[in-house]
Protein backbone atom coordinates (compact mmCIF):
# COMPACT_ATOMS: atom_id res chain seq x y z
CA UNK A 1 0.00 0.00 0.00
CA UNK A 2 1.34 3.40 -0.95
CA UNK A 3 1.63 6.13 1.66
CA UNK A 4 -1.12 8.77 1.32
CA UNK A 5 -0.05 12.12 -0.14
CA UNK A 6 -1.64 15.10 1.59
CA UNK A 7 -2.11 16.98 -1.68
CA UNK A 8 -3.89 14.13 -3.46
CA UNK A 9 -5.11 11.44 -1.07
CA UNK A 10 -7.10 13.37 1.52
CA UNK A 11 -10.72 14.09 0.65
CA UNK A 12 -13.54 15.74 2.62
CA UNK A 13 -16.44 13.37 3.28
CA UNK A 14 -18.85 15.55 1.28
CA UNK A 15 -16.60 15.35 -1.82
CA UNK A 16 -16.08 11.62 -1.24
CA UNK A 17 -19.84 11.02 -1.12
CA UNK A 18 -20.37 12.99 -4.32
CA UNK A 19 -17.58 11.13 -6.18
CA UNK A 20 -17.48 7.77 -4.39
CA UNK A 21 -17.22 5.62 -7.53
CA UNK A 22 -14.31 7.73 -8.82
CA UNK A 23 -12.45 7.41 -5.50
CA UNK A 24 -13.09 3.67 -5.41
CA UNK A 25 -11.67 3.33 -8.92
CA UNK A 26 -8.61 5.43 -8.02
CA UNK A 27 -7.90 3.37 -4.90
CA UNK A 28 -8.27 0.11 -6.81
CA UNK A 29 -5.99 1.24 -9.63
CA UNK A 30 -3.24 2.88 -7.56
CA UNK A 31 -3.32 0.94 -4.27
CA UNK A 32 -2.94 4.35 -2.60
CA UNK A 33 -4.94 4.77 0.59
CA UNK A 34 -7.39 7.68 0.75
CA UNK A 35 -8.00 9.46 4.03
CA UNK A 36 -11.57 10.74 4.28
CA UNK A 37 -11.83 13.81 6.49
CA UNK A 38 -14.73 15.24 8.41
CA UNK A 39 -14.54 18.75 9.84
CA UNK A 40 -10.91 18.86 8.73
CA UNK A 41 -9.90 15.79 10.73
CA UNK A 42 -9.27 12.21 9.57
CA UNK A 43 -12.49 10.20 9.89
CA UNK A 44 -11.70 7.06 7.91
CA UNK A 45 -9.32 5.41 5.48
CA UNK A 46 -10.25 3.72 2.22
CA UNK A 47 -7.89 1.01 0.94
CA UNK A 48 -8.00 -1.38 -1.99
CA UNK A 49 -8.96 -5.04 -1.57
CA UNK A 50 -5.34 -5.98 -2.39
CA UNK A 51 -4.02 -3.69 0.34
CA UNK A 52 -6.58 -5.07 2.81
CA UNK A 53 -5.55 -8.65 1.98
CA UNK A 54 -1.88 -7.76 2.44
CA UNK A 55 -2.54 -6.09 5.79
CA UNK A 56 -4.57 -9.02 7.11
CA UNK A 57 -1.98 -11.55 5.89
CA UNK A 58 0.75 -9.58 7.64
CA UNK A 59 -1.34 -9.45 10.82
CA UNK A 60 -1.78 -13.25 10.73
CA UNK A 61 1.98 -13.76 10.35
CA UNK A 62 2.74 -11.37 13.21
CA UNK A 63 0.18 -13.15 15.39
CA UNK A 64 1.72 -16.55 14.63
CA UNK A 65 5.17 -15.20 15.48
CA UNK A 66 3.90 -13.78 18.79
CA UNK A 67 2.28 -17.14 19.63
CA UNK A 68 5.49 -18.98 18.81
CA UNK A 69 7.56 -16.64 20.96
CA UNK A 70 5.07 -17.04 23.83
CA UNK A 71 5.35 -20.83 23.49
CA UNK A 72 9.14 -20.51 23.59
CA UNK A 73 9.02 -18.29 26.68
CA UNK A 74 6.64 -20.74 28.40
CA UNK A 75 8.78 -23.75 27.53
CA UNK A 76 6.17 -25.27 25.22
CA UNK A 77 8.74 -26.40 22.66
CA UNK A 78 10.27 -29.70 21.54
CA UNK A 79 13.65 -30.45 20.02
CA UNK A 80 13.94 -31.45 16.37
CA UNK A 81 14.87 -34.95 17.48
CA UNK A 82 11.75 -35.26 19.67
CA UNK A 83 9.48 -34.06 16.85
CA UNK A 84 11.09 -36.51 14.43
CA UNK A 85 10.74 -39.38 16.93
CA UNK A 86 7.06 -38.62 17.58
CA UNK A 87 6.36 -38.27 13.86
CA UNK A 88 7.93 -41.65 13.10
CA UNK A 89 5.96 -43.27 15.91
CA UNK A 90 2.71 -41.79 14.70
CA UNK A 91 3.13 -42.10 10.93
CA UNK A 92 5.83 -44.69 10.48
CA UNK A 93 9.11 -44.42 8.65
CA UNK A 94 9.39 -43.09 5.10
CA UNK A 95 9.83 -45.80 2.54
PDB file of N, CA and C in Angstrom:
ATOM      1  N   UNK A   1       0.846  -1.171   0.000  1.00  0.00           N
ATOM      2  CA  UNK A   1       0.000   0.000   0.000  1.00  0.00           C
ATOM      3  C   UNK A   1       0.891   1.233   0.000  1.00  0.00           C
ATOM      4  N   UNK A   2       0.573   2.157  -0.868  1.00  0.00           N
ATOM      5  CA  UNK A   2       1.339   3.399  -0.948  1.00  0.00           C
ATOM      6  C   UNK A   2       0.946   4.331   0.189  1.00  0.00           C
ATOM      7  N   UNK A   3       1.877   5.153   0.612  1.00  0.00           N
ATOM      8  CA  UNK A   3       1.634   6.131   1.662  1.00  0.00           C
ATOM      9  C   UNK A   3       0.771   7.255   1.091  1.00  0.00           C
ATOM     10  N   UNK A   4      -0.269   7.671   1.826  1.00  0.00           N
ATOM     11  CA  UNK A   4      -1.122   8.768   1.322  1.00  0.00           C
ATOM     12  C   UNK A   4      -0.332  10.059   1.166  1.00  0.00           C
ATOM     13  N   UNK A   5      -0.643  10.798   0.101  1.00  0.00           N
ATOM     14  CA  UNK A   5      -0.050  12.119  -0.136  1.00  0.00           C
ATOM     15  C   UNK A   5      -1.090  13.172   0.240  1.00  0.00           C
ATOM     16  N   UNK A   6      -0.705  14.099   1.086  1.00  0.00           N
ATOM     17  CA  UNK A   6      -1.644  15.099   1.593  1.00  0.00           C
ATOM     18  C   UNK A   6      -2.310  15.862   0.454  1.00  0.00           C
ATOM     19  N   UNK A   7      -1.557  16.174  -0.590  1.00  0.00           N
ATOM     20  CA  UNK A   7      -2.106  16.983  -1.680  1.00  0.00           C
ATOM     21  C   UNK A   7      -3.094  16.222  -2.553  1.00  0.00           C
ATOM     22  N   UNK A   8      -3.048  14.894  -2.543  1.00  0.00           N
ATOM     23  CA  UNK A   8      -3.891  14.128  -3.457  1.00  0.00           C
ATOM     24  C   UNK A   8      -4.791  13.100  -2.782  1.00  0.00           C
ATOM     25  N   UNK A   9      -4.419  12.604  -1.619  1.00  0.00           N
ATOM     26  CA  UNK A   9      -5.106  11.443  -1.068  1.00  0.00           C
ATOM     27  C   UNK A   9      -5.917  11.729   0.193  1.00  0.00           C
ATOM     28  N   UNK A  10      -6.188  12.995   0.450  1.00  0.00           N
ATOM     29  CA  UNK A  10      -7.097  13.372   1.519  1.00  0.00           C
ATOM     30  C   UNK A  10      -8.319  13.990   0.855  1.00  0.00           C
ATOM     31  N   UNK A  11      -9.501  13.583   1.285  1.00  0.00           N
ATOM     32  CA  UNK A  11     -10.715  14.087   0.652  1.00  0.00           C
ATOM     33  C   UNK A  11     -11.776  14.336   1.732  1.00  0.00           C
ATOM     34  N   UNK A  12     -12.446  15.484   1.679  1.00  0.00           N
ATOM     35  CA  UNK A  12     -13.541  15.736   2.615  1.00  0.00           C
ATOM     36  C   UNK A  12     -14.685  14.750   2.361  1.00  0.00           C
ATOM     37  N   UNK A  13     -15.380  14.371   3.402  1.00  0.00           N
ATOM     38  CA  UNK A  13     -16.444  13.374   3.281  1.00  0.00           C
ATOM     39  C   UNK A  13     -17.515  13.812   2.282  1.00  0.00           C
ATOM     40  N   UNK A  14     -17.822  15.097   2.221  1.00  0.00           N
ATOM     41  CA  UNK A  14     -18.850  15.554   1.277  1.00  0.00           C
ATOM     42  C   UNK A  14     -18.408  15.317  -0.166  1.00  0.00           C
ATOM     43  N   UNK A  15     -17.133  15.609  -0.466  1.00  0.00           N
ATOM     44  CA  UNK A  15     -16.605  15.349  -1.817  1.00  0.00           C
ATOM     45  C   UNK A  15     -16.540  13.848  -2.085  1.00  0.00           C
ATOM     46  N   UNK A  16     -16.141  13.073  -1.068  1.00  0.00           N
ATOM     47  CA  UNK A  16     -16.078  11.622  -1.237  1.00  0.00           C
ATOM     48  C   UNK A  16     -17.461  11.063  -1.576  1.00  0.00           C
ATOM     49  N   UNK A  17     -18.486  11.510  -0.860  1.00  0.00           N
ATOM     50  CA  UNK A  17     -19.842  11.017  -1.124  1.00  0.00           C
ATOM     51  C   UNK A  17     -20.286  11.362  -2.539  1.00  0.00           C
ATOM     52  N   UNK A  18     -19.951  12.550  -2.992  1.00  0.00           N
ATOM     53  CA  UNK A  18     -20.369  12.987  -4.325  1.00  0.00           C
ATOM     54  C   UNK A  18     -19.622  12.253  -5.435  1.00  0.00           C
ATOM     55  N   UNK A  19     -18.408  11.779  -5.159  1.00  0.00           N
ATOM     56  CA  UNK A  19     -17.583  11.132  -6.185  1.00  0.00           C
ATOM     57  C   UNK A  19     -17.086   9.757  -5.727  1.00  0.00           C
ATOM     58  N   UNK A  20     -17.904   9.038  -4.990  1.00  0.00           N
ATOM     59  CA  UNK A  20     -17.477   7.766  -4.391  1.00  0.00           C
ATOM     60  C   UNK A  20     -16.958   6.772  -5.426  1.00  0.00           C
ATOM     61  N   UNK A  21     -17.666   6.615  -6.545  1.00  0.00           N
ATOM     62  CA  UNK A  21     -17.222   5.621  -7.533  1.00  0.00           C
ATOM     63  C   UNK A  21     -15.863   5.995  -8.120  1.00  0.00           C
ATOM     64  N   UNK A  22     -15.608   7.285  -8.304  1.00  0.00           N
ATOM     65  CA  UNK A  22     -14.314   7.727  -8.823  1.00  0.00           C
ATOM     66  C   UNK A  22     -13.193   7.442  -7.813  1.00  0.00           C
ATOM     67  N   UNK A  23     -13.450   7.696  -6.528  1.00  0.00           N
ATOM     68  CA  UNK A  23     -12.449   7.413  -5.504  1.00  0.00           C
ATOM     69  C   UNK A  23     -12.197   5.910  -5.373  1.00  0.00           C
ATOM     70  N   UNK A  24     -13.258   5.123  -5.473  1.00  0.00           N
ATOM     71  CA  UNK A  24     -13.089   3.666  -5.414  1.00  0.00           C
ATOM     72  C   UNK A  24     -12.233   3.168  -6.578  1.00  0.00           C
ATOM     73  N   UNK A  25     -12.473   3.711  -7.755  1.00  0.00           N
ATOM     74  CA  UNK A  25     -11.674   3.335  -8.921  1.00  0.00           C
ATOM     75  C   UNK A  25     -10.210   3.726  -8.715  1.00  0.00           C
ATOM     76  N   UNK A  26      -9.981   4.943  -8.235  1.00  0.00           N
ATOM     77  CA  UNK A  26      -8.614   5.428  -8.019  1.00  0.00           C
ATOM     78  C   UNK A  26      -7.871   4.546  -7.013  1.00  0.00           C
ATOM     79  N   UNK A  27      -8.523   4.211  -5.928  1.00  0.00           N
ATOM     80  CA  UNK A  27      -7.895   3.371  -4.902  1.00  0.00           C
ATOM     81  C   UNK A  27      -7.569   1.999  -5.471  1.00  0.00           C
ATOM     82  N   UNK A  28      -8.485   1.441  -6.230  1.00  0.00           N
ATOM     83  CA  UNK A  28      -8.273   0.114  -6.811  1.00  0.00           C
ATOM     84  C   UNK A  28      -7.122   0.119  -7.812  1.00  0.00           C
ATOM     85  N   UNK A  29      -7.019   1.159  -8.601  1.00  0.00           N
ATOM     86  CA  UNK A  29      -5.986   1.236  -9.634  1.00  0.00           C
ATOM     87  C   UNK A  29      -4.603   1.561  -9.079  1.00  0.00           C
ATOM     88  N   UNK A  30      -4.541   2.392  -8.042  1.00  0.00           N
ATOM     89  CA  UNK A  30      -3.241   2.877  -7.564  1.00  0.00           C
ATOM     90  C   UNK A  30      -2.752   2.197  -6.293  1.00  0.00           C
ATOM     91  N   UNK A  31      -3.630   1.520  -5.583  1.00  0.00           N
ATOM     92  CA  UNK A  31      -3.320   0.942  -4.266  1.00  0.00           C
ATOM     93  C   UNK A  31      -2.923   2.004  -3.246  1.00  0.00           C
ATOM     94  N   UNK A  32      -3.204   3.275  -3.552  1.00  0.00           N
ATOM     95  CA  UNK A  32      -2.940   4.350  -2.599  1.00  0.00           C
ATOM     96  C   UNK A  32      -4.146   4.478  -1.668  1.00  0.00           C
ATOM     97  N   UNK A  33      -3.869   4.577  -0.380  1.00  0.00           N
ATOM     98  CA  UNK A  33      -4.944   4.775   0.585  1.00  0.00           C
ATOM     99  C   UNK A  33      -5.487   6.194   0.456  1.00  0.00           C
ATOM    100  N   UNK A  34      -6.765   6.362   0.758  1.00  0.00           N
ATOM    101  CA  UNK A  34      -7.390   7.683   0.751  1.00  0.00           C
ATOM    102  C   UNK A  34      -7.927   7.941   2.153  1.00  0.00           C
ATOM    103  N   UNK A  35      -7.522   9.062   2.706  1.00  0.00           N
ATOM    104  CA  UNK A  35      -7.996   9.458   4.026  1.00  0.00           C
ATOM    105  C   UNK A  35      -9.206  10.361   3.829  1.00  0.00           C
ATOM    106  N   UNK A  36     -10.336   9.946   4.370  1.00  0.00           N
ATOM    107  CA  UNK A  36     -11.567  10.739   4.283  1.00  0.00           C
ATOM    108  C   UNK A  36     -11.640  11.589   5.547  1.00  0.00           C
ATOM    109  N   UNK A  37     -11.809  12.897   5.346  1.00  0.00           N
ATOM    110  CA  UNK A  37     -11.833  13.808   6.491  1.00  0.00           C
ATOM    111  C   UNK A  37     -13.249  14.295   6.755  1.00  0.00           C
ATOM    112  N   UNK A  38     -13.457  14.657   8.004  1.00  0.00           N
ATOM    113  CA  UNK A  38     -14.732  15.236   8.409  1.00  0.00           C
ATOM    114  C   UNK A  38     -14.397  16.378   9.367  1.00  0.00           C
ATOM    115  N   UNK A  39     -14.875  17.555   9.059  1.00  0.00           N
ATOM    116  CA  UNK A  39     -14.540  18.751   9.843  1.00  0.00           C
ATOM    117  C   UNK A  39     -13.029  18.953   9.921  1.00  0.00           C
ATOM    118  N   UNK A  40     -12.335  18.640   8.814  1.00  0.00           N
ATOM    119  CA  UNK A  40     -10.906  18.863   8.727  1.00  0.00           C
ATOM    120  C   UNK A  40     -10.039  17.847   9.443  1.00  0.00           C
ATOM    121  N   UNK A  41     -10.657  16.810   9.999  1.00  0.00           N
ATOM    122  CA  UNK A  41      -9.895  15.791  10.729  1.00  0.00           C
ATOM    123  C   UNK A  41     -10.104  14.432  10.076  1.00  0.00           C
ATOM    124  N   UNK A  42      -9.107  13.552  10.141  1.00  0.00           N
ATOM    125  CA  UNK A  42      -9.267  12.208   9.567  1.00  0.00           C
ATOM    126  C   UNK A  42     -10.451  11.487  10.219  1.00  0.00           C
ATOM    127  N   UNK A  43     -11.318  10.917   9.382  1.00  0.00           N
ATOM    128  CA  UNK A  43     -12.494  10.196   9.889  1.00  0.00           C
ATOM    129  C   UNK A  43     -12.493   8.738   9.445  1.00  0.00           C
ATOM    130  N   UNK A  44     -11.755   8.431   8.393  1.00  0.00           N
ATOM    131  CA  UNK A  44     -11.696   7.059   7.908  1.00  0.00           C
ATOM    132  C   UNK A  44     -10.645   6.933   6.826  1.00  0.00           C
ATOM    133  N   UNK A  45     -10.317   5.684   6.507  1.00  0.00           N
ATOM    134  CA  UNK A  45      -9.318   5.407   5.479  1.00  0.00           C
ATOM    135  C   UNK A  45      -9.894   4.363   4.533  1.00  0.00           C
ATOM    136  N   UNK A  46      -9.798   4.641   3.255  1.00  0.00           N
ATOM    137  CA  UNK A  46     -10.251   3.720   2.222  1.00  0.00           C
ATOM    138  C   UNK A  46      -9.027   3.075   1.596  1.00  0.00           C
ATOM    139  N   UNK A  47      -9.000   1.729   1.565  1.00  0.00           N
ATOM    140  CA  UNK A  47      -7.886   1.014   0.944  1.00  0.00           C
ATOM    141  C   UNK A  47      -8.441   0.014  -0.059  1.00  0.00           C
ATOM    142  N   UNK A  48      -7.583  -0.423  -0.969  1.00  0.00           N
ATOM    143  CA  UNK A  48      -7.998  -1.384  -1.995  1.00  0.00           C
ATOM    144  C   UNK A  48      -8.130  -2.775  -1.382  1.00  0.00           C
ATOM    145  N   UNK A  49      -8.880  -3.656  -2.042  1.00  0.00           N
ATOM    146  CA  UNK A  49      -8.959  -5.035  -1.566  1.00  0.00           C
ATOM    147  C   UNK A  49      -7.580  -5.696  -1.479  1.00  0.00           C
ATOM    148  N   UNK A  50      -6.695  -5.414  -2.442  1.00  0.00           N
ATOM    149  CA  UNK A  50      -5.336  -5.976  -2.387  1.00  0.00           C
ATOM    150  C   UNK A  50      -4.595  -5.511  -1.141  1.00  0.00           C
ATOM    151  N   UNK A  51      -4.694  -4.231  -0.841  1.00  0.00           N
ATOM    152  CA  UNK A  51      -4.018  -3.695   0.340  1.00  0.00           C
ATOM    153  C   UNK A  51      -4.613  -4.295   1.617  1.00  0.00           C
ATOM    154  N   UNK A  52      -5.929  -4.455   1.645  1.00  0.00           N
ATOM    155  CA  UNK A  52      -6.579  -5.067   2.805  1.00  0.00           C
ATOM    156  C   UNK A  52      -6.091  -6.499   2.994  1.00  0.00           C
ATOM    157  N   UNK A  53      -6.039  -7.265   1.900  1.00  0.00           N
ATOM    158  CA  UNK A  53      -5.551  -8.647   1.980  1.00  0.00           C
ATOM    159  C   UNK A  53      -4.116  -8.694   2.482  1.00  0.00           C
ATOM    160  N   UNK A  54      -3.283  -7.787   2.007  1.00  0.00           N
ATOM    161  CA  UNK A  54      -1.882  -7.755   2.441  1.00  0.00           C
ATOM    162  C   UNK A  54      -1.777  -7.416   3.923  1.00  0.00           C
ATOM    163  N   UNK A  55      -2.565  -6.462   4.372  1.00  0.00           N
ATOM    164  CA  UNK A  55      -2.538  -6.090   5.790  1.00  0.00           C
ATOM    165  C   UNK A  55      -3.010  -7.233   6.680  1.00  0.00           C
ATOM    166  N   UNK A  56      -4.071  -7.921   6.280  1.00  0.00           N
ATOM    167  CA  UNK A  56      -4.570  -9.020   7.112  1.00  0.00           C
ATOM    168  C   UNK A  56      -3.613 -10.206   7.081  1.00  0.00           C
ATOM    169  N   UNK A  57      -2.971 -10.467   5.948  1.00  0.00           N
ATOM    170  CA  UNK A  57      -1.981 -11.549   5.887  1.00  0.00           C
ATOM    171  C   UNK A  57      -0.809 -11.224   6.800  1.00  0.00           C
ATOM    172  N   UNK A  58      -0.357  -9.992   6.771  1.00  0.00           N
ATOM    173  CA  UNK A  58       0.746  -9.580   7.639  1.00  0.00           C
ATOM    174  C   UNK A  58       0.352  -9.706   9.110  1.00  0.00           C
ATOM    175  N   UNK A  59      -0.875  -9.344   9.430  1.00  0.00           N
ATOM    176  CA  UNK A  59      -1.344  -9.455  10.820  1.00  0.00           C
ATOM    177  C   UNK A  59      -1.368 -10.915  11.274  1.00  0.00           C
ATOM    178  N   UNK A  60      -1.771 -11.824  10.372  1.00  0.00           N
ATOM    179  CA  UNK A  60      -1.779 -13.251  10.730  1.00  0.00           C
ATOM    180  C   UNK A  60      -0.366 -13.757  10.978  1.00  0.00           C
ATOM    181  N   UNK A  61       0.592 -13.348  10.171  1.00  0.00           N
ATOM    182  CA  UNK A  61       1.984 -13.762  10.349  1.00  0.00           C
ATOM    183  C   UNK A  61       2.522 -13.227  11.677  1.00  0.00           C
ATOM    184  N   UNK A  62       2.269 -11.955  11.945  1.00  0.00           N
ATOM    185  CA  UNK A  62       2.742 -11.372  13.206  1.00  0.00           C
ATOM    186  C   UNK A  62       2.127 -12.089  14.404  1.00  0.00           C
ATOM    187  N   UNK A  63       0.853 -12.429  14.306  1.00  0.00           N
ATOM    188  CA  UNK A  63       0.182 -13.149  15.393  1.00  0.00           C
ATOM    189  C   UNK A  63       0.808 -14.524  15.605  1.00  0.00           C
ATOM    190  N   UNK A  64       1.098 -15.231  14.522  1.00  0.00           N
ATOM    191  CA  UNK A  64       1.720 -16.554  14.632  1.00  0.00           C
ATOM    192  C   UNK A  64       3.109 -16.441  15.256  1.00  0.00           C
ATOM    193  N   UNK A  65       3.843 -15.405  14.901  1.00  0.00           N
ATOM    194  CA  UNK A  65       5.171 -15.197  15.485  1.00  0.00           C
ATOM    195  C   UNK A  65       5.049 -14.925  16.982  1.00  0.00           C
ATOM    196  N   UNK A  66       4.101 -14.060  17.363  1.00  0.00           N
ATOM    197  CA  UNK A  66       3.903 -13.776  18.791  1.00  0.00           C
ATOM    198  C   UNK A  66       3.540 -15.041  19.553  1.00  0.00           C
ATOM    199  N   UNK A  67       2.656 -15.877  18.977  1.00  0.00           N
ATOM    200  CA  UNK A  67       2.276 -17.137  19.629  1.00  0.00           C
ATOM    201  C   UNK A  67       3.483 -18.052  19.782  1.00  0.00           C
ATOM    202  N   UNK A  68       4.299 -18.140  18.744  1.00  0.00           N
ATOM    203  CA  UNK A  68       5.493 -18.981  18.811  1.00  0.00           C
ATOM    204  C   UNK A  68       6.474 -18.496  19.862  1.00  0.00           C
ATOM    205  N   UNK A  69       6.663 -17.193  19.943  1.00  0.00           N
ATOM    206  CA  UNK A  69       7.563 -16.643  20.957  1.00  0.00           C
ATOM    207  C   UNK A  69       7.002 -16.867  22.366  1.00  0.00           C
ATOM    208  N   UNK A  70       5.690 -16.767  22.523  1.00  0.00           N
ATOM    209  CA  UNK A  70       5.072 -17.038  23.829  1.00  0.00           C
ATOM    210  C   UNK A  70       5.263 -18.502  24.203  1.00  0.00           C
ATOM    211  N   UNK A  71       5.106 -19.401  23.228  1.00  0.00           N
ATOM    212  CA  UNK A  71       5.355 -20.826  23.488  1.00  0.00           C
ATOM    213  C   UNK A  71       6.804 -21.046  23.912  1.00  0.00           C
ATOM    214  N   UNK A  72       7.727 -20.389  23.247  1.00  0.00           N
ATOM    215  CA  UNK A  72       9.144 -20.512  23.588  1.00  0.00           C
ATOM    216  C   UNK A  72       9.392 -20.020  25.013  1.00  0.00           C
ATOM    217  N   UNK A  73       8.850 -18.851  25.333  1.00  0.00           N
ATOM    218  CA  UNK A  73       9.025 -18.290  26.685  1.00  0.00           C
ATOM    219  C   UNK A  73       8.426 -19.197  27.760  1.00  0.00           C
ATOM    220  N   UNK A  74       7.322 -19.876  27.427  1.00  0.00           N
ATOM    221  CA  UNK A  74       6.640 -20.736  28.398  1.00  0.00           C
ATOM    222  C   UNK A  74       7.205 -22.155  28.413  1.00  0.00           C
ATOM    223  N   UNK A  75       8.182 -22.421  27.556  1.00  0.00           N
ATOM    224  CA  UNK A  75       8.783 -23.749  27.534  1.00  0.00           C
ATOM    225  C   UNK A  75       7.957 -24.790  26.793  1.00  0.00           C
ATOM    226  N   UNK A  76       7.011 -24.344  25.990  1.00  0.00           N
ATOM    227  CA  UNK A  76       6.174 -25.274  25.223  1.00  0.00           C
ATOM    228  C   UNK A  76       6.812 -25.557  23.859  1.00  0.00           C
ATOM    229  N   UNK A  77       8.015 -26.095  23.886  1.00  0.00           N
ATOM    230  CA  UNK A  77       8.742 -26.404  22.662  1.00  0.00           C
ATOM    231  C   UNK A  77       9.332 -27.804  22.760  1.00  0.00           C
ATOM    232  N   UNK A  78       9.654 -28.374  21.609  1.00  0.00           N
ATOM    233  CA  UNK A  78      10.269 -29.701  21.538  1.00  0.00           C
ATOM    234  C   UNK A  78      11.477 -29.614  20.615  1.00  0.00           C
ATOM    235  N   UNK A  79      12.463 -30.423  20.873  1.00  0.00           N
ATOM    236  CA  UNK A  79      13.646 -30.449  20.017  1.00  0.00           C
ATOM    237  C   UNK A  79      13.294 -31.083  18.679  1.00  0.00           C
ATOM    238  N   UNK A  80      14.129 -30.831  17.684  1.00  0.00           N
ATOM    239  CA  UNK A  80      13.937 -31.453  16.370  1.00  0.00           C
ATOM    240  C   UNK A  80      13.900 -32.972  16.493  1.00  0.00           C
ATOM    241  N   UNK A  81      14.797 -33.497  17.314  1.00  0.00           N
ATOM    242  CA  UNK A  81      14.873 -34.948  17.484  1.00  0.00           C
ATOM    243  C   UNK A  81      13.576 -35.506  18.051  1.00  0.00           C
ATOM    244  N   UNK A  82      13.004 -34.801  19.043  1.00  0.00           N
ATOM    245  CA  UNK A  82      11.753 -35.255  19.665  1.00  0.00           C
ATOM    246  C   UNK A  82      10.600 -35.210  18.653  1.00  0.00           C
ATOM    247  N   UNK A  83      10.533 -34.167  17.870  1.00  0.00           N
ATOM    248  CA  UNK A  83       9.479 -34.055  16.850  1.00  0.00           C
ATOM    249  C   UNK A  83       9.630 -35.183  15.830  1.00  0.00           C
ATOM    250  N   UNK A  84      10.852 -35.439  15.394  1.00  0.00           N
ATOM    251  CA  UNK A  84      11.093 -36.510  14.426  1.00  0.00           C
ATOM    252  C   UNK A  84      10.705 -37.869  15.017  1.00  0.00           C
ATOM    253  N   UNK A  85      11.078 -38.112  16.276  1.00  0.00           N
ATOM    254  CA  UNK A  85      10.743 -39.376  16.927  1.00  0.00           C
ATOM    255  C   UNK A  85       9.229 -39.558  17.015  1.00  0.00           C
ATOM    256  N   UNK A  86       8.523 -38.532  17.448  1.00  0.00           N
ATOM    257  CA  UNK A  86       7.060 -38.615  17.578  1.00  0.00           C
ATOM    258  C   UNK A  86       6.394 -38.808  16.211  1.00  0.00           C
ATOM    259  N   UNK A  87       6.921 -38.135  15.204  1.00  0.00           N
ATOM    260  CA  UNK A  87       6.364 -38.268  13.860  1.00  0.00           C
ATOM    261  C   UNK A  87       6.519 -39.693  13.347  1.00  0.00           C
ATOM    262  N   UNK A  88       7.694 -40.269  13.549  1.00  0.00           N
ATOM    263  CA  UNK A  88       7.933 -41.650  13.101  1.00  0.00           C
ATOM    264  C   UNK A  88       7.035 -42.625  13.853  1.00  0.00           C
ATOM    265  N   UNK A  89       6.854 -42.395  15.142  1.00  0.00           N
ATOM    266  CA  UNK A  89       5.965 -43.274  15.910  1.00  0.00           C
ATOM    267  C   UNK A  89       4.521 -43.188  15.406  1.00  0.00           C
ATOM    268  N   UNK A  90       4.099 -41.996  15.108  1.00  0.00           N
ATOM    269  CA  UNK A  90       2.714 -41.792  14.696  1.00  0.00           C
ATOM    270  C   UNK A  90       2.455 -42.219  13.258  1.00  0.00           C
ATOM    271  N   UNK A  91       3.369 -41.899  12.363  1.00  0.00           N
ATOM    272  CA  UNK A  91       3.134 -42.102  10.932  1.00  0.00           C
ATOM    273  C   UNK A  91       4.032 -43.141  10.288  1.00  0.00           C
ATOM    274  N   UNK A  92       4.935 -43.692  11.036  1.00  0.00           N
ATOM    275  CA  UNK A  92       5.830 -44.692  10.481  1.00  0.00           C
ATOM    276  C   UNK A  92       6.991 -44.063   9.750  1.00  0.00           C
ATOM    277  N   UNK A  93       7.908 -44.903   9.359  1.00  0.00           N
ATOM    278  CA  UNK A  93       9.108 -44.419   8.655  1.00  0.00           C
ATOM    279  C   UNK A  93       8.787 -44.219   7.179  1.00  0.00           C
ATOM    280  N   UNK A  94       9.528 -43.278   6.551  1.00  0.00           N
ATOM    281  CA  UNK A  94       9.388 -43.086   5.100  1.00  0.00           C
ATOM    282  C   UNK A  94       9.952 -44.303   4.384  1.00  0.00           C
ATOM    283  N   UNK A  95       9.359 -44.637   3.306  1.00  0.00           N
ATOM    284  CA  UNK A  95       9.833 -45.802   2.537  1.00  0.00           C
ATOM    285  C   UNK A  95      10.503 -45.384   1.292  1.00  0.00           C
TER     286      UNK A  95
END
